Amino acid sequence: MTTLLEQAFTAASALPQTEQDAIAHDIFRRLEARKKSRRSLLKMPLEQRRQILAQQAEKMVEHYQQNPEWKELGAGDILEYSHETK
């Protein structure tokens, strides 16, 4: 679970039960809407899906260009080899 989700869970658990239930129902509603969205994407013609995915890819490029922190994760060699000949 992410830190933000953990914080939200902690904050929600302090609320009265009726409010917790309302939040839980909202979460389930949103999750179901995401499932329906994915299913509707798969029902679209291939060209339309490609256009949508291309638009999403452009947004991700912008996101990663504006937030270079991800580059630090891949920096450096995983394994370093030292080859010395004598």
PDB file of N, CA and C in Angstrom:
ATOM      1  N   MET A   1       0.849  -1.165   0.000  1.00  0.00           N
ATOM      2  CA  MET A   1       0.000   0.000   0.000  1.00  0.00           C
ATOM      3  C   MET A   1       0.902   1.238   0.000  1.00  0.00           C
ATOM      4  N   THR A   2       0.531   2.237  -0.771  1.00  0.00           N
ATOM      5  CA  THR A   2       1.326   3.459  -0.834  1.00  0.00           C
ATOM      6  C   THR A   2       1.143   4.286   0.436  1.00  0.00           C
ATOM      7  N   THR A   3       2.086   5.169   0.664  1.00  0.00           N
ATOM      8  CA  THR A   3       2.022   6.033   1.847  1.00  0.00           C
ATOM      9  C   THR A   3       0.755   6.875   1.834  1.00  0.00           C
ATOM     10  N   LEU A   4       0.406   7.414   0.686  1.00  0.00           N
ATOM     11  CA  LEU A   4      -0.794   8.241   0.592  1.00  0.00           C
ATOM     12  C   LEU A   4      -2.042   7.429   0.910  1.00  0.00           C
ATOM     13  N   LEU A   5      -2.109   6.220   0.386  1.00  0.00           N
ATOM     14  CA  LEU A   5      -3.257   5.362   0.664  1.00  0.00           C
ATOM     15  C   LEU A   5      -3.306   4.980   2.138  1.00  0.00           C
ATOM     16  N   GLU A   6      -2.144   4.721   2.724  1.00  0.00           N
ATOM     17  CA  GLU A   6      -2.090   4.422   4.155  1.00  0.00           C
ATOM     18  C   GLU A   6      -2.577   5.609   4.983  1.00  0.00           C
ATOM     19  N   GLN A   7      -2.173   6.812   4.592  1.00  0.00           N
ATOM     20  CA  GLN A   7      -2.609   8.017   5.304  1.00  0.00           C
ATOM     21  C   GLN A   7      -4.124   8.189   5.190  1.00  0.00           C
ATOM     22  N   ALA A   8      -4.642   7.947   3.987  1.00  0.00           N
ATOM     23  CA  ALA A   8      -6.086   8.067   3.782  1.00  0.00           C
ATOM     24  C   ALA A   8      -6.836   7.030   4.609  1.00  0.00           C
ATOM     25  N   PHE A   9      -6.309   5.820   4.647  1.00  0.00           N
ATOM     26  CA  PHE A   9      -6.932   4.756   5.429  1.00  0.00           C
ATOM     27  C   PHE A   9      -6.948   5.117   6.913  1.00  0.00           C
ATOM     28  N   THR A  10      -5.841   5.620   7.412  1.00  0.00           N
ATOM     29  CA  THR A  10      -5.757   6.014   8.819  1.00  0.00           C
ATOM     30  C   THR A  10      -6.750   7.128   9.131  1.00  0.00           C
ATOM     31  N   ALA A  11      -6.807   8.132   8.253  1.00  0.00           N
ATOM     32  CA  ALA A  11      -7.732   9.246   8.471  1.00  0.00           C
ATOM     33  C   ALA A  11      -9.180   8.767   8.415  1.00  0.00           C
ATOM     34  N   ALA A  12      -9.492   7.882   7.476  1.00  0.00           N
ATOM     35  CA  ALA A  12     -10.858   7.392   7.336  1.00  0.00           C
ATOM     36  C   ALA A  12     -11.261   6.524   8.518  1.00  0.00           C
ATOM     37  N   SER A  13     -10.320   5.778   9.067  1.00  0.00           N
ATOM     38  CA  SER A  13     -10.665   4.890  10.181  1.00  0.00           C
ATOM     39  C   SER A  13     -11.050   5.668  11.439  1.00  0.00           C
ATOM     40  N   ALA A  14     -10.710   6.945  11.497  1.00  0.00           N
ATOM     41  CA  ALA A  14     -11.087   7.775  12.645  1.00  0.00           C
ATOM     42  C   ALA A  14     -12.493   8.357  12.493  1.00  0.00           C
ATOM     43  N   LEU A  15     -13.087   8.203  11.329  1.00  0.00           N
ATOM     44  CA  LEU A  15     -14.425   8.752  11.069  1.00  0.00           C
ATOM     45  C   LEU A  15     -15.504   7.823  11.603  1.00  0.00           C
ATOM     46  N   PRO A  16     -16.719   8.358  11.778  1.00  0.00           N
ATOM     47  CA  PRO A  16     -17.841   7.491  12.173  1.00  0.00           C
ATOM     48  C   PRO A  16     -18.083   6.409  11.112  1.00  0.00           C
ATOM     49  N   GLN A  17     -18.653   5.294  11.534  1.00  0.00           N
ATOM     50  CA  GLN A  17     -18.870   4.153  10.653  1.00  0.00           C
ATOM     51  C   GLN A  17     -19.661   4.514   9.391  1.00  0.00           C
ATOM     52  N   THR A  18     -20.665   5.379   9.503  1.00  0.00           N
ATOM     53  CA  THR A  18     -21.468   5.736   8.330  1.00  0.00           C
ATOM     54  C   THR A  18     -20.618   6.456   7.280  1.00  0.00           C
ATOM     55  N   GLU A  19     -19.702   7.294   7.730  1.00  0.00           N
ATOM     56  CA  GLU A  19     -18.821   7.990   6.797  1.00  0.00           C
ATOM     57  C   GLU A  19     -17.791   7.029   6.194  1.00  0.00           C
ATOM     58  N   GLN A  20     -17.304   6.097   7.001  1.00  0.00           N
ATOM     59  CA  GLN A  20     -16.385   5.090   6.473  1.00  0.00           C
ATOM     60  C   GLN A  20     -17.067   4.268   5.386  1.00  0.00           C
ATOM     61  N   ASP A  21     -18.324   3.887   5.636  1.00  0.00           N
ATOM     62  CA  ASP A  21     -19.075   3.118   4.649  1.00  0.00           C
ATOM     63  C   ASP A  21     -19.271   3.909   3.362  1.00  0.00           C
ATOM     64  N   ALA A  22     -19.565   5.192   3.491  1.00  0.00           N
ATOM     65  CA  ALA A  22     -19.760   6.039   2.311  1.00  0.00           C
ATOM     66  C   ALA A  22     -18.473   6.117   1.499  1.00  0.00           C
ATOM     67  N   ILE A  23     -17.337   6.254   2.171  1.00  0.00           N
ATOM     68  CA  ILE A  23     -16.049   6.311   1.479  1.00  0.00           C
ATOM     69  C   ILE A  23     -15.768   4.979   0.785  1.00  0.00           C
ATOM     70  N   ALA A  24     -16.039   3.877   1.488  1.00  0.00           N
ATOM     71  CA  ALA A  24     -15.818   2.550   0.903  1.00  0.00           C
ATOM     72  C   ALA A  24     -16.679   2.359  -0.338  1.00  0.00           C
ATOM     73  N   HIS A  25     -17.938   2.762  -0.272  1.00  0.00           N
ATOM     74  CA  HIS A  25     -18.828   2.633  -1.440  1.00  0.00           C
ATOM     75  C   HIS A  25     -18.308   3.482  -2.607  1.00  0.00           C
ATOM     76  N   ASP A  26     -17.816   4.665  -2.301  1.00  0.00           N
ATOM     77  CA  ASP A  26     -17.260   5.536  -3.344  1.00  0.00           C
ATOM     78  C   ASP A  26     -16.039   4.888  -3.998  1.00  0.00           C
ATOM     79  N   ILE A  27     -15.183   4.287  -3.193  1.00  0.00           N
ATOM     80  CA  ILE A  27     -13.996   3.612  -3.738  1.00  0.00           C
ATOM     81  C   ILE A  27     -14.425   2.466  -4.657  1.00  0.00           C
ATOM     82  N   PHE A  28     -15.360   1.649  -4.199  1.00  0.00           N
ATOM     83  CA  PHE A  28     -15.834   0.535  -5.022  1.00  0.00           C
ATOM     84  C   PHE A  28     -16.489   1.026  -6.317  1.00  0.00           C
ATOM     85  N   ARG A  29     -17.233   2.121  -6.219  1.00  0.00           N
ATOM     86  CA  ARG A  29     -17.874   2.688  -7.416  1.00  0.00           C
ATOM     87  C   ARG A  29     -16.810   3.127  -8.426  1.00  0.00           C
ATOM     88  N   ARG A  30     -15.763   3.788  -7.935  1.00  0.00           N
ATOM     89  CA  ARG A  30     -14.691   4.251  -8.820  1.00  0.00           C
ATOM     90  C   ARG A  30     -13.928   3.081  -9.444  1.00  0.00           C
ATOM     91  N   LEU A  31     -13.690   2.037  -8.658  1.00  0.00           N
ATOM     92  CA  LEU A  31     -13.003   0.864  -9.196  1.00  0.00           C
ATOM     93  C   LEU A  31     -13.829   0.197 -10.289  1.00  0.00           C
ATOM     94  N   GLU A  32     -15.119   0.110 -10.068  1.00  0.00           N
ATOM     95  CA  GLU A  32     -16.001  -0.487 -11.078  1.00  0.00           C
ATOM     96  C   GLU A  32     -16.027   0.363 -12.346  1.00  0.00           C
ATOM     97  N   ALA A  33     -16.029   1.679 -12.185  1.00  0.00           N
ATOM     98  CA  ALA A  33     -16.023   2.573 -13.348  1.00  0.00           C
ATOM     99  C   ALA A  33     -14.743   2.374 -14.156  1.00  0.00           C
ATOM    100  N   ARG A  34     -13.612   2.148 -13.484  1.00  0.00           N
ATOM    101  CA  ARG A  34     -12.348   1.896 -14.186  1.00  0.00           C
ATOM    102  C   ARG A  34     -12.424   0.611 -14.988  1.00  0.00           C
ATOM    103  N   LYS A  35     -13.037  -0.432 -14.407  1.00  0.00           N
ATOM    104  CA  LYS A  35     -13.189  -1.705 -15.116  1.00  0.00           C
ATOM    105  C   LYS A  35     -14.022  -1.507 -16.372  1.00  0.00           C
ATOM    106  N   LYS A  36     -15.122  -0.771 -16.234  1.00  0.00           N
ATOM    107  CA  LYS A  36     -15.997  -0.527 -17.380  1.00  0.00           C
ATOM    108  C   LYS A  36     -15.265   0.273 -18.445  1.00  0.00           C
ATOM    109  N   SER A  37     -14.446   1.222 -18.021  1.00  0.00           N
ATOM    110  CA  SER A  37     -13.682   2.034 -18.957  1.00  0.00           C
ATOM    111  C   SER A  37     -12.714   1.159 -19.758  1.00  0.00           C
ATOM    112  N   ARG A  38     -12.053   0.243 -19.072  1.00  0.00           N
ATOM    113  CA  ARG A  38     -11.119  -0.662 -19.762  1.00  0.00           C
ATOM    114  C   ARG A  38     -11.866  -1.551 -20.745  1.00  0.00           C
ATOM    115  N   ARG A  39     -13.019  -2.070 -20.313  1.00  0.00           N
ATOM    116  CA  ARG A  39     -13.805  -2.931 -21.200  1.00  0.00           C
ATOM    117  C   ARG A  39     -14.277  -2.162 -22.426  1.00  0.00           C
ATOM    118  N   SER A  40     -14.699  -0.916 -22.224  1.00  0.00           N
ATOM    119  CA  SER A  40     -15.171  -0.130 -23.369  1.00  0.00           C
ATOM    120  C   SER A  40     -14.020   0.170 -24.323  1.00  0.00           C
ATOM    121  N   LEU A  41     -12.811   0.347 -23.801  1.00  0.00           N
ATOM    122  CA  LEU A  41     -11.653   0.570 -24.661  1.00  0.00           C
ATOM    123  C   LEU A  41     -11.421  -0.654 -25.548  1.00  0.00           C
ATOM    124  N   LEU A  42     -11.539  -1.834 -24.978  1.00  0.00           N
ATOM    125  CA  LEU A  42     -11.313  -3.055 -25.753  1.00  0.00           C
ATOM    126  C   LEU A  42     -12.380  -3.273 -26.828  1.00  0.00           C
ATOM    127  N   LYS A  43     -13.556  -2.698 -26.629  1.00  0.00           N
ATOM    128  CA  LYS A  43     -14.635  -2.852 -27.612  1.00  0.00           C
ATOM    129  C   LYS A  43     -14.520  -1.863 -28.767  1.00  0.00           C
ATOM    130  N   MET A  44     -13.653  -0.857 -28.623  1.00  0.00           N
ATOM    131  CA  MET A  44     -13.485   0.155 -29.671  1.00  0.00           C
ATOM    132  C   MET A  44     -12.729  -0.422 -30.866  1.00  0.00           C
ATOM    133  N   PRO A  45     -12.933   0.199 -32.031  1.00  0.00           N
ATOM    134  CA  PRO A  45     -12.140  -0.202 -33.188  1.00  0.00           C
ATOM    135  C   PRO A  45     -10.650   0.010 -32.922  1.00  0.00           C
ATOM    136  N   LEU A  46      -9.823  -0.808 -33.542  1.00  0.00           N
ATOM    137  CA  LEU A  46      -8.389  -0.786 -33.300  1.00  0.00           C
ATOM    138  C   LEU A  46      -7.777   0.599 -33.511  1.00  0.00           C
ATOM    139  N   GLU A  47      -8.163   1.279 -34.558  1.00  0.00           N
ATOM    140  CA  GLU A  47      -7.584   2.601 -34.846  1.00  0.00           C
ATOM    141  C   GLU A  47      -7.930   3.608 -33.753  1.00  0.00           C
ATOM    142  N   GLN A  48      -9.135   3.547 -33.256  1.00  0.00           N
ATOM    143  CA  GLN A  48      -9.544   4.450 -32.181  1.00  0.00           C
ATOM    144  C   GLN A  48      -8.760   4.157 -30.904  1.00  0.00           C
ATOM    145  N   ARG A  49      -8.553   2.861 -30.610  1.00  0.00           N
ATOM    146  CA  ARG A  49      -7.745   2.498 -29.435  1.00  0.00           C
ATOM    147  C   ARG A  49      -6.323   3.013 -29.575  1.00  0.00           C
ATOM    148  N   ARG A  50      -5.775   2.883 -30.785  1.00  0.00           N
ATOM    149  CA  ARG A  50      -4.409   3.367 -31.017  1.00  0.00           C
ATOM    150  C   ARG A  50      -4.298   4.865 -30.793  1.00  0.00           C
ATOM    151  N   GLN A  51      -5.297   5.609 -31.219  1.00  0.00           N
ATOM    152  CA  GLN A  51      -5.280   7.061 -31.019  1.00  0.00           C
ATOM    153  C   GLN A  51      -5.311   7.404 -29.531  1.00  0.00           C
ATOM    154  N   ILE A  52      -6.165   6.739 -28.788  1.00  0.00           N
ATOM    155  CA  ILE A  52      -6.265   6.990 -27.354  1.00  0.00           C
ATOM    156  C   ILE A  52      -4.959   6.634 -26.659  1.00  0.00           C
ATOM    157  N   LEU A  53      -4.397   5.482 -26.994  1.00  0.00           N
ATOM    158  CA  LEU A  53      -3.144   5.063 -26.373  1.00  0.00           C
ATOM    159  C   LEU A  53      -1.992   5.991 -26.761  1.00  0.00           C
ATOM    160  N   ALA A  54      -2.000   6.509 -27.985  1.00  0.00           N
ATOM    161  CA  ALA A  54      -0.963   7.462 -28.403  1.00  0.00           C
ATOM    162  C   ALA A  54      -1.073   8.759 -27.600  1.00  0.00           C
ATOM    163  N   GLN A  55      -2.295   9.222 -27.365  1.00  0.00           N
ATOM    164  CA  GLN A  55      -2.494  10.424 -26.546  1.00  0.00           C
ATOM    165  C   GLN A  55      -2.006  10.197 -25.119  1.00  0.00           C
ATOM    166  N   GLN A  56      -2.300   9.035 -24.583  1.00  0.00           N
ATOM    167  CA  GLN A  56      -1.848   8.727 -23.225  1.00  0.00           C
ATOM    168  C   GLN A  56      -0.326   8.645 -23.175  1.00  0.00           C
ATOM    169  N   ALA A  57       0.278   8.080 -24.207  1.00  0.00           N
ATOM    170  CA  ALA A  57       1.737   7.977 -24.256  1.00  0.00           C
ATOM    171  C   ALA A  57       2.372   9.366 -24.297  1.00  0.00           C
ATOM    172  N   GLU A  58       1.775  10.291 -25.043  1.00  0.00           N
ATOM    173  CA  GLU A  58       2.289  11.662 -25.092  1.00  0.00           C
ATOM    174  C   GLU A  58       2.247  12.310 -23.703  1.00  0.00           C
ATOM    175  N   LYS A  59       1.173  12.084 -22.982  1.00  0.00           N
ATOM    176  CA  LYS A  59       1.066  12.634 -21.623  1.00  0.00           C
ATOM    177  C   LYS A  59       2.143  12.047 -20.713  1.00  0.00           C
ATOM    178  N   MET A  60       2.423  10.749 -20.886  1.00  0.00           N
ATOM    179  CA  MET A  60       3.439  10.120 -20.050  1.00  0.00           C
ATOM    180  C   MET A  60       4.822  10.664 -20.383  1.00  0.00           C
ATOM    181  N   VAL A  61       5.092  10.933 -21.655  1.00  0.00           N
ATOM    182  CA  VAL A  61       6.378  11.522 -22.034  1.00  0.00           C
ATOM    183  C   VAL A  61       6.537  12.868 -21.344  1.00  0.00           C
ATOM    184  N   GLU A  62       5.500  13.681 -21.393  1.00  0.00           N
ATOM    185  CA  GLU A  62       5.534  14.987 -20.724  1.00  0.00           C
ATOM    186  C   GLU A  62       5.781  14.812 -19.225  1.00  0.00           C
ATOM    187  N   HIS A  63       5.097  13.862 -18.640  1.00  0.00           N
ATOM    188  CA  HIS A  63       5.234  13.628 -17.201  1.00  0.00           C
ATOM    189  C   HIS A  63       6.682  13.268 -16.854  1.00  0.00           C
ATOM    190  N   TYR A  64       7.252  12.335 -17.593  1.00  0.00           N
ATOM    191  CA  TYR A  64       8.612  11.899 -17.279  1.00  0.00           C
ATOM    192  C   TYR A  64       9.655  12.954 -17.612  1.00  0.00           C
ATOM    193  N   GLN A  65       9.384  13.792 -18.594  1.00  0.00           N
ATOM    194  CA  GLN A  65      10.322  14.867 -18.898  1.00  0.00           C
ATOM    195  C   GLN A  65      10.295  15.939 -17.810  1.00  0.00           C
ATOM    196  N   GLN A  66       9.140  16.175 -17.219  1.00  0.00           N
ATOM    197  CA  GLN A  66       9.002  17.189 -16.173  1.00  0.00           C
ATOM    198  C   GLN A  66       9.440  16.669 -14.804  1.00  0.00           C
ATOM    199  N   ASN A  67       9.485  15.354 -14.634  1.00  0.00           N
ATOM    200  CA  ASN A  67       9.846  14.744 -13.352  1.00  0.00           C
ATOM    201  C   ASN A  67      11.013  13.781 -13.552  1.00  0.00           C
ATOM    202  N   PRO A  68      12.240  14.298 -13.562  1.00  0.00           N
ATOM    203  CA  PRO A  68      13.395  13.453 -13.878  1.00  0.00           C
ATOM    204  C   PRO A  68      13.835  12.515 -12.751  1.00  0.00           C
ATOM    205  N   GLU A  69      13.112  12.478 -11.643  1.00  0.00           N
ATOM    206  CA  GLU A  69      13.501  11.620 -10.520  1.00  0.00           C
ATOM    207  C   GLU A  69      13.598  10.158 -10.925  1.00  0.00           C
ATOM    208  N   TRP A  70      12.776   9.727 -11.879  1.00  0.00           N
ATOM    209  CA  TRP A  70      12.770   8.327 -12.288  1.00  0.00           C
ATOM    210  C   TRP A  70      14.108   7.913 -12.891  1.00  0.00           C
ATOM    211  N   LYS A  71      14.849   8.868 -13.460  1.00  0.00           N
ATOM    212  CA  LYS A  71      16.131   8.542 -14.076  1.00  0.00           C
ATOM    213  C   LYS A  71      17.139   8.068 -13.038  1.00  0.00           C
ATOM    214  N   GLU A  72      17.033   8.593 -11.833  1.00  0.00           N
ATOM    215  CA  GLU A  72      17.960   8.216 -10.780  1.00  0.00           C
ATOM    216  C   GLU A  72      17.830   6.737 -10.422  1.00  0.00           C
ATOM    217  N   LEU A  73      16.651   6.181 -10.601  1.00  0.00           N
ATOM    218  CA  LEU A  73      16.441   4.773 -10.273  1.00  0.00           C
ATOM    219  C   LEU A  73      17.250   3.855 -11.182  1.00  0.00           C
ATOM    220  N   GLY A  74      17.437   4.263 -12.427  1.00  0.00           N
ATOM    221  CA  GLY A  74      18.147   3.426 -13.378  1.00  0.00           C
ATOM    222  C   GLY A  74      19.617   3.786 -13.523  1.00  0.00           C
ATOM    223  N   ALA A  75      20.090   4.713 -12.715  1.00  0.00           N
ATOM    224  CA  ALA A  75      21.468   5.163 -12.845  1.00  0.00           C
ATOM    225  C   ALA A  75      22.434   4.116 -12.292  1.00  0.00           C
ATOM    226  N   GLY A  76      23.540   3.976 -12.957  1.00  0.00           N
ATOM    227  CA  GLY A  76      24.592   3.085 -12.469  1.00  0.00           C
ATOM    228  C   GLY A  76      24.413   1.652 -12.935  1.00  0.00           C
ATOM    229  N   ASP A  77      25.493   0.926 -12.835  1.00  0.00           N
ATOM    230  CA  ASP A  77      25.467  -0.479 -13.221  1.00  0.00           C
ATOM    231  C   ASP A  77      24.902  -1.318 -12.089  1.00  0.00           C
ATOM    232  N   ILE A  78      24.202  -2.338 -12.460  1.00  0.00           N
ATOM    233  CA  ILE A  78      23.703  -3.259 -11.454  1.00  0.00           C
ATOM    234  C   ILE A  78      24.869  -4.120 -10.950  1.00  0.00           C
ATOM    235  N   LEU A  79      25.655  -4.597 -11.895  1.00  0.00           N
ATOM    236  CA  LEU A  79      26.834  -5.384 -11.559  1.00  0.00           C
ATOM    237  C   LEU A  79      28.046  -4.718 -12.166  1.00  0.00           C
ATOM    238  N   GLU A  80      29.086  -4.634 -11.411  1.00  0.00           N
ATOM    239  CA  GLU A  80      30.323  -4.080 -11.934  1.00  0.00           C
ATOM    240  C   GLU A  80      31.343  -5.185 -12.035  1.00  0.00           C
ATOM    241  N   TYR A  81      31.950  -5.294 -13.210  1.00  0.00           N
ATOM    242  CA  TYR A  81      32.949  -6.315 -13.428  1.00  0.00           C
ATOM    243  C   TYR A  81      34.324  -5.681 -13.469  1.00  0.00           C
ATOM    244  N   SER A  82      35.229  -6.329 -12.862  1.00  0.00           N
ATOM    245  CA  SER A  82      36.610  -5.859 -12.889  1.00  0.00           C
ATOM    246  C   SER A  82      37.427  -6.944 -13.578  1.00  0.00           C
ATOM    247  N   HIS A  83      38.014  -6.584 -14.717  1.00  0.00           N
ATOM    248  CA  HIS A  83      38.792  -7.559 -15.471  1.00  0.00           C
ATOM    249  C   HIS A  83      40.239  -7.083 -15.510  1.00  0.00           C
ATOM    250  N   GLU A  84      41.015  -7.739 -14.706  1.00  0.00           N
ATOM    251  CA  GLU A  84      42.440  -7.394 -14.668  1.00  0.00           C
ATOM    252  C   GLU A  84      43.234  -8.545 -15.235  1.00  0.00           C
ATOM    253  N   THR A  85      44.167  -8.241 -16.106  1.00  0.00           N
ATOM    254  CA  THR A  85      45.056  -9.276 -16.638  1.00  0.00           C
ATOM    255  C   THR A  85      46.457  -9.043 -16.124  1.00  0.00           C
ATOM    256  N   LYS A  86      47.112 -10.098 -15.777  1.00  0.00           N
ATOM    257  CA  LYS A  86      48.486  -9.981 -15.269  1.00  0.00           C
ATOM    258  C   LYS A  86      49.436 -10.741 -16.119  1.00  0.00           C
TER     259      LYS A  86
END
